[in-house]
């Protein structure tokens, strides 16, 4: 059994309220930021893993709430500009990778 290692060529689909993107590990993908959560699902052979990543407010959104009032905060929330996801996401895979025991 292998633990804590990168699994190359897993197909991952990332979805939020702004769209859906697909990539293979360990590649990266640019996604549109959103107020909502990001769902990540990865699959390779018989192995599968998924994770929901919370969107977090960036400093500009807090500034808009404290200084600019409600209008600035509504614009950031509507466009997703005031929110971000982590630069890197680790997905725990469960199941059997082809050719491994």
PDB file of N, CA and C in Angstrom:
ATOM      1  N   UNK A   1       0.842  -1.183   0.000  1.00  0.00           N
ATOM      2  CA  UNK A   1       0.000   0.000   0.000  1.00  0.00           C
ATOM      3  C   UNK A   1       0.883   1.241   0.000  1.00  0.00           C
ATOM      4  N   UNK A   2       0.586   2.186  -0.867  1.00  0.00           N
ATOM      5  CA  UNK A   2       1.345   3.425  -0.976  1.00  0.00           C
ATOM      6  C   UNK A   2       0.554   4.556  -0.329  1.00  0.00           C
ATOM      7  N   UNK A   3       1.229   5.346   0.462  1.00  0.00           N
ATOM      8  CA  UNK A   3       0.564   6.472   1.109  1.00  0.00           C
ATOM      9  C   UNK A   3       1.329   7.752   0.836  1.00  0.00           C
ATOM     10  N   UNK A   4       0.616   8.859   0.815  1.00  0.00           N
ATOM     11  CA  UNK A   4       1.201  10.186   0.696  1.00  0.00           C
ATOM     12  C   UNK A   4       2.147  10.328  -0.479  1.00  0.00           C
ATOM     13  N   UNK A   5       1.681   9.998  -1.665  1.00  0.00           N
ATOM     14  CA  UNK A   5       2.484  10.195  -2.851  1.00  0.00           C
ATOM     15  C   UNK A   5       1.600  10.757  -3.958  1.00  0.00           C
ATOM     16  N   UNK A   6       2.239  11.412  -4.891  1.00  0.00           N
ATOM     17  CA  UNK A   6       1.522  11.997  -6.012  1.00  0.00           C
ATOM     18  C   UNK A   6       1.140  10.919  -7.006  1.00  0.00           C
ATOM     19  N   UNK A   7      -0.075  10.994  -7.514  1.00  0.00           N
ATOM     20  CA  UNK A   7      -0.545  10.055  -8.522  1.00  0.00           C
ATOM     21  C   UNK A   7      -0.682  10.830  -9.825  1.00  0.00           C
ATOM     22  N   UNK A   8       0.232  10.579 -10.752  1.00  0.00           N
ATOM     23  CA  UNK A   8       0.216  11.281 -12.035  1.00  0.00           C
ATOM     24  C   UNK A   8      -0.956  10.840 -12.899  1.00  0.00           C
ATOM     25  N   UNK A   9      -1.402  11.760 -13.736  1.00  0.00           N
ATOM     26  CA  UNK A   9      -2.420  11.512 -14.758  1.00  0.00           C
ATOM     27  C   UNK A   9      -3.797  11.155 -14.199  1.00  0.00           C
ATOM     28  N   UNK A  10      -4.103  11.631 -12.992  1.00  0.00           N
ATOM     29  CA  UNK A  10      -5.476  11.524 -12.503  1.00  0.00           C
ATOM     30  C   UNK A  10      -6.270  12.644 -13.153  1.00  0.00           C
ATOM     31  N   UNK A  11      -7.448  12.344 -13.660  1.00  0.00           N
ATOM     32  CA  UNK A  11      -8.293  13.365 -14.276  1.00  0.00           C
ATOM     33  C   UNK A  11      -9.101  14.045 -13.179  1.00  0.00           C
ATOM     34  N   UNK A  12      -8.956  15.370 -13.090  1.00  0.00           N
ATOM     35  CA  UNK A  12      -9.655  16.122 -12.058  1.00  0.00           C
ATOM     36  C   UNK A  12     -10.594  17.146 -12.686  1.00  0.00           C
ATOM     37  N   UNK A  13     -11.800  17.229 -12.138  1.00  0.00           N
ATOM     38  CA  UNK A  13     -12.787  18.205 -12.567  1.00  0.00           C
ATOM     39  C   UNK A  13     -13.041  19.153 -11.402  1.00  0.00           C
ATOM     40  N   UNK A  14     -12.921  20.449 -11.675  1.00  0.00           N
ATOM     41  CA  UNK A  14     -13.123  21.487 -10.668  1.00  0.00           C
ATOM     42  C   UNK A  14     -14.363  22.278 -11.059  1.00  0.00           C
ATOM     43  N   UNK A  15     -15.290  22.464 -10.113  1.00  0.00           N
ATOM     44  CA  UNK A  15     -16.560  23.108 -10.421  1.00  0.00           C
ATOM     45  C   UNK A  15     -16.907  24.137  -9.354  1.00  0.00           C
ATOM     46  N   UNK A  16     -17.323  25.323  -9.805  1.00  0.00           N
ATOM     47  CA  UNK A  16     -17.915  26.320  -8.907  1.00  0.00           C
ATOM     48  C   UNK A  16     -19.048  27.006  -9.663  1.00  0.00           C
ATOM     49  N   UNK A  17     -19.615  28.050  -9.098  1.00  0.00           N
ATOM     50  CA  UNK A  17     -20.763  28.703  -9.726  1.00  0.00           C
ATOM     51  C   UNK A  17     -20.398  29.440 -11.013  1.00  0.00           C
ATOM     52  N   UNK A  18     -19.116  29.604 -11.301  1.00  0.00           N
ATOM     53  CA  UNK A  18     -18.669  30.303 -12.509  1.00  0.00           C
ATOM     54  C   UNK A  18     -18.337  29.363 -13.659  1.00  0.00           C
ATOM     55  N   UNK A  19     -18.283  28.051 -13.409  1.00  0.00           N
ATOM     56  CA  UNK A  19     -17.986  27.127 -14.494  1.00  0.00           C
ATOM     57  C   UNK A  19     -17.395  25.815 -14.034  1.00  0.00           C
ATOM     58  N   UNK A  20     -16.861  25.076 -15.019  1.00  0.00           N
ATOM     59  CA  UNK A  20     -16.250  23.773 -14.762  1.00  0.00           C
ATOM     60  C   UNK A  20     -14.968  23.669 -15.582  1.00  0.00           C
ATOM     61  N   UNK A  21     -13.905  23.116 -14.966  1.00  0.00           N
ATOM     62  CA  UNK A  21     -12.601  22.989 -15.596  1.00  0.00           C
ATOM     63  C   UNK A  21     -12.085  21.582 -15.368  1.00  0.00           C
ATOM     64  N   UNK A  22     -11.307  21.071 -16.330  1.00  0.00           N
ATOM     65  CA  UNK A  22     -10.753  19.735 -16.230  1.00  0.00           C
ATOM     66  C   UNK A  22      -9.247  19.804 -16.453  1.00  0.00           C
ATOM     67  N   UNK A  23      -8.497  19.007 -15.688  1.00  0.00           N
ATOM     68  CA  UNK A  23      -7.046  18.938 -15.839  1.00  0.00           C
ATOM     69  C   UNK A  23      -6.569  17.559 -15.428  1.00  0.00           C
ATOM     70  N   UNK A  24      -5.329  17.249 -15.735  1.00  0.00           N
ATOM     71  CA  UNK A  24      -4.685  16.029 -15.271  1.00  0.00           C
ATOM     72  C   UNK A  24      -3.622  16.399 -14.251  1.00  0.00           C
ATOM     73  N   UNK A  25      -3.484  15.590 -13.206  1.00  0.00           N
ATOM     74  CA  UNK A  25      -2.441  15.851 -12.216  1.00  0.00           C
ATOM     75  C   UNK A  25      -1.093  15.522 -12.817  1.00  0.00           C
ATOM     76  N   UNK A  26      -0.046  16.212 -12.485  1.00  0.00           N
ATOM     77  CA  UNK A  26       0.075  17.316 -11.538  1.00  0.00           C
ATOM     78  C   UNK A  26      -0.026  18.695 -12.202  1.00  0.00           C
ATOM     79  N   UNK A  27      -0.711  18.813 -13.311  1.00  0.00           N
ATOM     80  CA  UNK A  27      -0.849  20.097 -13.978  1.00  0.00           C
ATOM     81  C   UNK A  27      -1.698  21.050 -13.153  1.00  0.00           C
ATOM     82  N   UNK A  28      -1.612  22.327 -13.501  1.00  0.00           N
ATOM     83  CA  UNK A  28      -2.451  23.315 -12.833  1.00  0.00           C
ATOM     84  C   UNK A  28      -3.492  23.817 -13.820  1.00  0.00           C
ATOM     85  N   UNK A  29      -4.504  24.479 -13.305  1.00  0.00           N
ATOM     86  CA  UNK A  29      -5.578  25.018 -14.142  1.00  0.00           C
ATOM     87  C   UNK A  29      -5.991  26.368 -13.559  1.00  0.00           C
ATOM     88  N   UNK A  30      -6.281  27.317 -14.434  1.00  0.00           N
ATOM     89  CA  UNK A  30      -6.796  28.617 -14.000  1.00  0.00           C
ATOM     90  C   UNK A  30      -8.311  28.545 -13.972  1.00  0.00           C
ATOM     91  N   UNK A  31      -8.886  28.961 -12.846  1.00  0.00           N
ATOM     92  CA  UNK A  31     -10.337  28.942 -12.696  1.00  0.00           C
ATOM     93  C   UNK A  31     -10.837  30.348 -12.391  1.00  0.00           C
ATOM     94  N   UNK A  32     -12.097  30.588 -12.663  1.00  0.00           N
ATOM     95  CA  UNK A  32     -12.712  31.873 -12.307  1.00  0.00           C
ATOM     96  C   UNK A  32     -13.095  31.825 -10.840  1.00  0.00           C
ATOM     97  N   UNK A  33     -12.705  32.858 -10.116  1.00  0.00           N
ATOM     98  CA  UNK A  33     -13.020  32.933  -8.693  1.00  0.00           C
ATOM     99  C   UNK A  33     -14.523  33.117  -8.500  1.00  0.00           C
ATOM    100  N   UNK A  34     -14.992  32.642  -7.375  1.00  0.00           N
ATOM    101  CA  UNK A  34     -16.412  32.702  -7.064  1.00  0.00           C
ATOM    102  C   UNK A  34     -16.592  32.835  -5.556  1.00  0.00           C
ATOM    103  N   UNK A  35     -17.711  33.416  -5.144  1.00  0.00           N
ATOM    104  CA  UNK A  35     -18.065  33.467  -3.728  1.00  0.00           C
ATOM    105  C   UNK A  35     -18.307  32.056  -3.201  1.00  0.00           C
ATOM    106  N   UNK A  36     -18.824  31.176  -4.057  1.00  0.00           N
ATOM    107  CA  UNK A  36     -19.194  29.829  -3.641  1.00  0.00           C
ATOM    108  C   UNK A  36     -18.027  28.873  -3.551  1.00  0.00           C
ATOM    109  N   UNK A  37     -18.305  27.711  -2.986  1.00  0.00           N
ATOM    110  CA  UNK A  37     -17.304  26.665  -2.817  1.00  0.00           C
ATOM    111  C   UNK A  37     -16.834  26.122  -4.155  1.00  0.00           C
ATOM    112  N   UNK A  38     -15.640  25.529  -4.146  1.00  0.00           N
ATOM    113  CA  UNK A  38     -15.065  24.855  -5.297  1.00  0.00           C
ATOM    114  C   UNK A  38     -15.096  23.358  -5.007  1.00  0.00           C
ATOM    115  N   UNK A  39     -15.709  22.586  -5.877  1.00  0.00           N
ATOM    116  CA  UNK A  39     -15.741  21.136  -5.731  1.00  0.00           C
ATOM    117  C   UNK A  39     -14.690  20.537  -6.664  1.00  0.00           C
ATOM    118  N   UNK A  40     -13.839  19.672  -6.121  1.00  0.00           N
ATOM    119  CA  UNK A  40     -12.788  19.031  -6.894  1.00  0.00           C
ATOM    120  C   UNK A  40     -13.011  17.525  -6.825  1.00  0.00           C
ATOM    121  N   UNK A  41     -13.102  16.888  -7.996  1.00  0.00           N
ATOM    122  CA  UNK A  41     -13.264  15.439  -8.069  1.00  0.00           C
ATOM    123  C   UNK A  41     -12.183  14.888  -8.985  1.00  0.00           C
ATOM    124  N   UNK A  42     -11.432  13.889  -8.480  1.00  0.00           N
ATOM    125  CA  UNK A  42     -10.350  13.281  -9.260  1.00  0.00           C
ATOM    126  C   UNK A  42     -10.579  11.784  -9.378  1.00  0.00           C
ATOM    127  N   UNK A  43     -10.158  11.250 -10.537  1.00  0.00           N
ATOM    128  CA  UNK A  43     -10.363   9.828 -10.795  1.00  0.00           C
ATOM    129  C   UNK A  43      -9.196   9.293 -11.620  1.00  0.00           C
ATOM    130  N   UNK A  44      -8.764   8.084 -11.276  1.00  0.00           N
ATOM    131  CA  UNK A  44      -7.802   7.348 -12.085  1.00  0.00           C
ATOM    132  C   UNK A  44      -8.077   5.870 -11.870  1.00  0.00           C
ATOM    133  N   UNK A  45      -8.378   5.178 -12.948  1.00  0.00           N
ATOM    134  CA  UNK A  45      -8.722   3.760 -12.889  1.00  0.00           C
ATOM    135  C   UNK A  45      -9.834   3.552 -11.868  1.00  0.00           C
ATOM    136  N   UNK A  46      -9.593   2.723 -10.869  1.00  0.00           N
ATOM    137  CA  UNK A  46     -10.601   2.426  -9.855  1.00  0.00           C
ATOM    138  C   UNK A  46     -10.494   3.350  -8.627  1.00  0.00           C
ATOM    139  N   UNK A  47      -9.617   4.342  -8.678  1.00  0.00           N
ATOM    140  CA  UNK A  47      -9.425   5.245  -7.539  1.00  0.00           C
ATOM    141  C   UNK A  47     -10.207   6.535  -7.748  1.00  0.00           C
ATOM    142  N   UNK A  48     -10.716   7.075  -6.644  1.00  0.00           N
ATOM    143  CA  UNK A  48     -11.519   8.284  -6.704  1.00  0.00           C
ATOM    144  C   UNK A  48     -11.275   9.106  -5.444  1.00  0.00           C
ATOM    145  N   UNK A  49     -11.286  10.416  -5.602  1.00  0.00           N
ATOM    146  CA  UNK A  49     -11.180  11.302  -4.451  1.00  0.00           C
ATOM    147  C   UNK A  49     -11.910  12.595  -4.738  1.00  0.00           C
ATOM    148  N   UNK A  50     -12.422  13.229  -3.688  1.00  0.00           N
ATOM    149  CA  UNK A  50     -13.098  14.506  -3.879  1.00  0.00           C
ATOM    150  C   UNK A  50     -12.911  15.377  -2.642  1.00  0.00           C
ATOM    151  N   UNK A  51     -13.082  16.667  -2.860  1.00  0.00           N
ATOM    152  CA  UNK A  51     -12.949  17.622  -1.767  1.00  0.00           C
ATOM    153  C   UNK A  51     -13.733  18.869  -2.137  1.00  0.00           C
ATOM    154  N   UNK A  52     -14.340  19.483  -1.128  1.00  0.00           N
ATOM    155  CA  UNK A  52     -14.982  20.780  -1.298  1.00  0.00           C
ATOM    156  C   UNK A  52     -14.105  21.811  -0.616  1.00  0.00           C
ATOM    157  N   UNK A  53     -13.738  22.848  -1.374  1.00  0.00           N
ATOM    158  CA  UNK A  53     -12.848  23.888  -0.870  1.00  0.00           C
ATOM    159  C   UNK A  53     -13.652  25.163  -0.703  1.00  0.00           C
ATOM    160  N   UNK A  54     -13.611  25.714   0.487  1.00  0.00           N
ATOM    161  CA  UNK A  54     -14.331  26.952   0.791  1.00  0.00           C
ATOM    162  C   UNK A  54     -13.634  28.138   0.147  1.00  0.00           C
ATOM    163  N   UNK A  55     -14.417  29.047  -0.365  1.00  0.00           N
ATOM    164  CA  UNK A  55     -13.897  30.304  -0.877  1.00  0.00           C
ATOM    165  C   UNK A  55     -13.628  31.209   0.319  1.00  0.00           C
ATOM    166  N   UNK A  56     -12.502  31.916   0.281  1.00  0.00           N
ATOM    167  CA  UNK A  56     -12.207  32.818   1.398  1.00  0.00           C
ATOM    168  C   UNK A  56     -12.106  34.246   0.895  1.00  0.00           C
ATOM    169  N   UNK A  57     -12.532  35.176   1.735  1.00  0.00           N
ATOM    170  CA  UNK A  57     -12.504  36.595   1.378  1.00  0.00           C
ATOM    171  C   UNK A  57     -11.071  37.096   1.387  1.00  0.00           C
ATOM    172  N   UNK A  58     -10.741  37.889   0.382  1.00  0.00           N
ATOM    173  CA  UNK A  58      -9.423  38.517   0.311  1.00  0.00           C
ATOM    174  C   UNK A  58      -9.501  39.872   1.006  1.00  0.00           C
ATOM    175  N   UNK A  59      -8.360  40.471   1.262  1.00  0.00           N
ATOM    176  CA  UNK A  59      -8.284  41.747   1.956  1.00  0.00           C
ATOM    177  C   UNK A  59      -9.127  42.837   1.337  1.00  0.00           C
ATOM    178  N   UNK A  60      -9.249  42.865   0.009  1.00  0.00           N
ATOM    179  CA  UNK A  60     -10.005  43.931  -0.646  1.00  0.00           C
ATOM    180  C   UNK A  60     -11.477  43.889  -0.264  1.00  0.00           C
ATOM    181  N   UNK A  61     -12.016  42.700  -0.050  1.00  0.00           N
ATOM    182  CA  UNK A  61     -13.425  42.610   0.325  1.00  0.00           C
ATOM    183  C   UNK A  61     -13.646  43.182   1.703  1.00  0.00           C
ATOM    184  N   UNK A  62     -12.771  42.860   2.656  1.00  0.00           N
ATOM    185  CA  UNK A  62     -12.905  43.422   3.983  1.00  0.00           C
ATOM    186  C   UNK A  62     -12.788  44.940   3.932  1.00  0.00           C
ATOM    187  N   UNK A  63     -11.873  45.431   3.105  1.00  0.00           N
ATOM    188  CA  UNK A  63     -11.713  46.882   2.946  1.00  0.00           C
ATOM    189  C   UNK A  63     -12.979  47.518   2.411  1.00  0.00           C
ATOM    190  N   UNK A  64     -13.619  46.871   1.466  1.00  0.00           N
ATOM    191  CA  UNK A  64     -14.855  47.404   0.910  1.00  0.00           C
ATOM    192  C   UNK A  64     -15.958  47.429   1.947  1.00  0.00           C
ATOM    193  N   UNK A  65     -15.998  46.442   2.773  1.00  0.00           N
ATOM    194  CA  UNK A  65     -17.042  46.400   3.800  1.00  0.00           C
ATOM    195  C   UNK A  65     -16.786  47.491   4.836  1.00  0.00           C
ATOM    196  N   UNK A  66     -15.534  47.655   5.248  1.00  0.00           N
ATOM    197  CA  UNK A  66     -15.201  48.619   6.293  1.00  0.00           C
ATOM    198  C   UNK A  66     -15.158  50.061   5.794  1.00  0.00           C
ATOM    199  N   UNK A  67     -14.656  50.273   4.569  1.00  0.00           N
ATOM    200  CA  UNK A  67     -14.430  51.629   4.085  1.00  0.00           C
ATOM    201  C   UNK A  67     -15.440  52.040   3.016  1.00  0.00           C
ATOM    202  N   UNK A  68     -15.613  51.200   2.013  1.00  0.00           N
ATOM    203  CA  UNK A  68     -16.407  51.586   0.845  1.00  0.00           C
ATOM    204  C   UNK A  68     -17.896  51.374   1.004  1.00  0.00           C
ATOM    205  N   UNK A  69     -18.306  50.725   2.029  1.00  0.00           N
ATOM    206  CA  UNK A  69     -19.730  50.473   2.219  1.00  0.00           C
ATOM    207  C   UNK A  69     -20.203  49.253   1.463  1.00  0.00           C
ATOM    208  N   UNK A  70     -21.503  49.077   1.421  1.00  0.00           N
ATOM    209  CA  UNK A  70     -22.110  47.887   0.840  1.00  0.00           C
ATOM    210  C   UNK A  70     -21.942  47.746  -0.654  1.00  0.00           C
ATOM    211  N   UNK A  71     -21.879  48.838  -1.412  1.00  0.00           N
ATOM    212  CA  UNK A  71     -21.820  48.730  -2.866  1.00  0.00           C
ATOM    213  C   UNK A  71     -20.559  48.000  -3.318  1.00  0.00           C
ATOM    214  N   UNK A  72     -19.404  48.372  -2.795  1.00  0.00           N
ATOM    215  CA  UNK A  72     -18.155  47.709  -3.161  1.00  0.00           C
ATOM    216  C   UNK A  72     -18.183  46.234  -2.823  1.00  0.00           C
ATOM    217  N   UNK A  73     -18.708  45.885  -1.685  1.00  0.00           N
ATOM    218  CA  UNK A  73     -18.774  44.489  -1.269  1.00  0.00           C
ATOM    219  C   UNK A  73     -19.694  43.698  -2.189  1.00  0.00           C
ATOM    220  N   UNK A  74     -20.790  44.271  -2.630  1.00  0.00           N
ATOM    221  CA  UNK A  74     -21.705  43.570  -3.526  1.00  0.00           C
ATOM    222  C   UNK A  74     -21.067  43.338  -4.887  1.00  0.00           C
ATOM    223  N   UNK A  75     -20.314  44.300  -5.391  1.00  0.00           N
ATOM    224  CA  UNK A  75     -19.642  44.124  -6.672  1.00  0.00           C
ATOM    225  C   UNK A  75     -18.622  43.003  -6.582  1.00  0.00           C
ATOM    226  N   UNK A  76     -17.791  42.990  -5.526  1.00  0.00           N
ATOM    227  CA  UNK A  76     -16.799  41.931  -5.359  1.00  0.00           C
ATOM    228  C   UNK A  76     -17.459  40.568  -5.230  1.00  0.00           C
ATOM    229  N   UNK A  77     -18.535  40.476  -4.467  1.00  0.00           N
ATOM    230  CA  UNK A  77     -19.208  39.190  -4.288  1.00  0.00           C
ATOM    231  C   UNK A  77     -19.818  38.718  -5.598  1.00  0.00           C
ATOM    232  N   UNK A  78     -20.374  39.619  -6.388  1.00  0.00           N
ATOM    233  CA  UNK A  78     -21.006  39.249  -7.643  1.00  0.00           C
ATOM    234  C   UNK A  78     -20.011  38.786  -8.694  1.00  0.00           C
ATOM    235  N   UNK A  79     -18.820  39.389  -8.723  1.00  0.00           N
ATOM    236  CA  UNK A  79     -17.821  39.033  -9.723  1.00  0.00           C
ATOM    237  C   UNK A  79     -16.897  37.933  -9.247  1.00  0.00           C
ATOM    238  N   UNK A  80     -16.803  37.716  -7.948  1.00  0.00           N
ATOM    239  CA  UNK A  80     -15.868  36.744  -7.392  1.00  0.00           C
ATOM    240  C   UNK A  80     -14.497  37.338  -7.161  1.00  0.00           C
ATOM    241  N   UNK A  81     -14.295  38.611  -7.525  1.00  0.00           N
ATOM    242  CA  UNK A  81     -12.976  39.234  -7.401  1.00  0.00           C
ATOM    243  C   UNK A  81     -12.486  39.320  -5.965  1.00  0.00           C
ATOM    244  N   UNK A  82     -13.356  39.383  -5.002  1.00  0.00           N
ATOM    245  CA  UNK A  82     -12.937  39.524  -3.617  1.00  0.00           C
ATOM    246  C   UNK A  82     -12.708  38.198  -2.909  1.00  0.00           C
ATOM    247  N   UNK A  83     -12.694  37.097  -3.644  1.00  0.00           N
ATOM    248  CA  UNK A  83     -12.586  35.775  -3.035  1.00  0.00           C
ATOM    249  C   UNK A  83     -11.475  34.973  -3.696  1.00  0.00           C
ATOM    250  N   UNK A  84     -10.987  33.976  -2.986  1.00  0.00           N
ATOM    251  CA  UNK A  84      -9.925  33.141  -3.558  1.00  0.00           C
ATOM    252  C   UNK A  84     -10.004  31.722  -3.008  1.00  0.00           C
ATOM    253  N   UNK A  85      -9.290  30.831  -3.690  1.00  0.00           N
ATOM    254  CA  UNK A  85      -9.124  29.449  -3.267  1.00  0.00           C
ATOM    255  C   UNK A  85      -7.633  29.232  -3.017  1.00  0.00           C
ATOM    256  N   UNK A  86      -7.264  28.176  -2.325  1.00  0.00           N
ATOM    257  CA  UNK A  86      -5.837  27.898  -2.112  1.00  0.00           C
ATOM    258  C   UNK A  86      -5.098  27.710  -3.437  1.00  0.00           C
ATOM    259  N   UNK A  87      -3.812  28.004  -3.453  1.00  0.00           N
ATOM    260  CA  UNK A  87      -2.995  27.819  -4.655  1.00  0.00           C
ATOM    261  C   UNK A  87      -2.825  26.353  -5.012  1.00  0.00           C
ATOM    262  N   UNK A  88      -2.886  25.486  -4.015  1.00  0.00           N
ATOM    263  CA  UNK A  88      -2.698  24.065  -4.253  1.00  0.00           C
ATOM    264  C   UNK A  88      -3.699  23.301  -3.397  1.00  0.00           C
ATOM    265  N   UNK A  89      -4.240  22.223  -3.970  1.00  0.00           N
ATOM    266  CA  UNK A  89      -5.255  21.420  -3.281  1.00  0.00           C
ATOM    267  C   UNK A  89      -4.816  19.962  -3.316  1.00  0.00           C
ATOM    268  N   UNK A  90      -4.800  19.308  -2.173  1.00  0.00           N
ATOM    269  CA  UNK A  90      -4.436  17.893  -2.075  1.00  0.00           C
ATOM    270  C   UNK A  90      -5.724  17.081  -1.931  1.00  0.00           C
ATOM    271  N   UNK A  91      -5.860  16.069  -2.783  1.00  0.00           N
ATOM    272  CA  UNK A  91      -7.031  15.190  -2.765  1.00  0.00           C
ATOM    273  C   UNK A  91      -6.583  13.800  -2.331  1.00  0.00           C
ATOM    274  N   UNK A  92      -7.208  13.258  -1.307  1.00  0.00           N
ATOM    275  CA  UNK A  92      -6.937  11.884  -0.878  1.00  0.00           C
ATOM    276  C   UNK A  92      -7.708  10.938  -1.793  1.00  0.00           C
ATOM    277  N   UNK A  93      -6.989  10.015  -2.417  1.00  0.00           N
ATOM    278  CA  UNK A  93      -7.599   9.055  -3.345  1.00  0.00           C
ATOM    279  C   UNK A  93      -7.869   7.741  -2.620  1.00  0.00           C
ATOM    280  N   UNK A  94      -9.017   7.163  -2.886  1.00  0.00           N
ATOM    281  CA  UNK A  94      -9.398   5.880  -2.305  1.00  0.00           C
ATOM    282  C   UNK A  94      -9.655   4.913  -3.457  1.00  0.00           C
ATOM    283  N   UNK A  95      -9.309   3.661  -3.260  1.00  0.00           N
ATOM    284  CA  UNK A  95      -9.546   2.650  -4.278  1.00  0.00           C
ATOM    285  C   UNK A  95      -8.237   2.116  -4.824  1.00  0.00           C
ATOM    286  N   UNK A  96      -8.318   1.457  -5.971  1.00  0.00           N
ATOM    287  CA  UNK A  96      -7.161   0.774  -6.559  1.00  0.00           C
ATOM    288  C   UNK A  96      -6.698   1.505  -7.813  1.00  0.00           C
ATOM    289  N   UNK A  97      -5.426   1.873  -7.848  1.00  0.00           N
ATOM    290  CA  UNK A  97      -4.815   2.414  -9.041  1.00  0.00           C
ATOM    291  C   UNK A  97      -4.405   1.211  -9.889  1.00  0.00           C
ATOM    292  N   UNK A  98      -4.719   1.209 -11.180  1.00  0.00           N
ATOM    293  CA  UNK A  98      -4.432   0.072 -12.066  1.00  0.00           C
ATOM    294  C   UNK A  98      -2.994  -0.421 -11.909  1.00  0.00           C
ATOM    295  N   UNK A  99      -2.841  -1.738 -11.733  1.00  0.00           N
ATOM    296  CA  UNK A  99      -1.512  -2.335 -11.650  1.00  0.00           C
ATOM    297  C   UNK A  99      -0.897  -2.299 -10.252  1.00  0.00           C
ATOM    298  N   UNK A 100      -1.627  -1.784  -9.268  1.00  0.00           N
ATOM    299  CA  UNK A 100      -1.089  -1.713  -7.906  1.00  0.00           C
ATOM    300  C   UNK A 100      -1.938  -2.555  -6.979  1.00  0.00           C
ATOM    301  N   UNK A 101      -1.337  -3.000  -5.892  1.00  0.00           N
ATOM    302  CA  UNK A 101      -2.053  -3.786  -4.906  1.00  0.00           C
ATOM    303  C   UNK A 101      -2.174  -3.010  -3.639  1.00  0.00           C
TER     304      UNK A 101
END
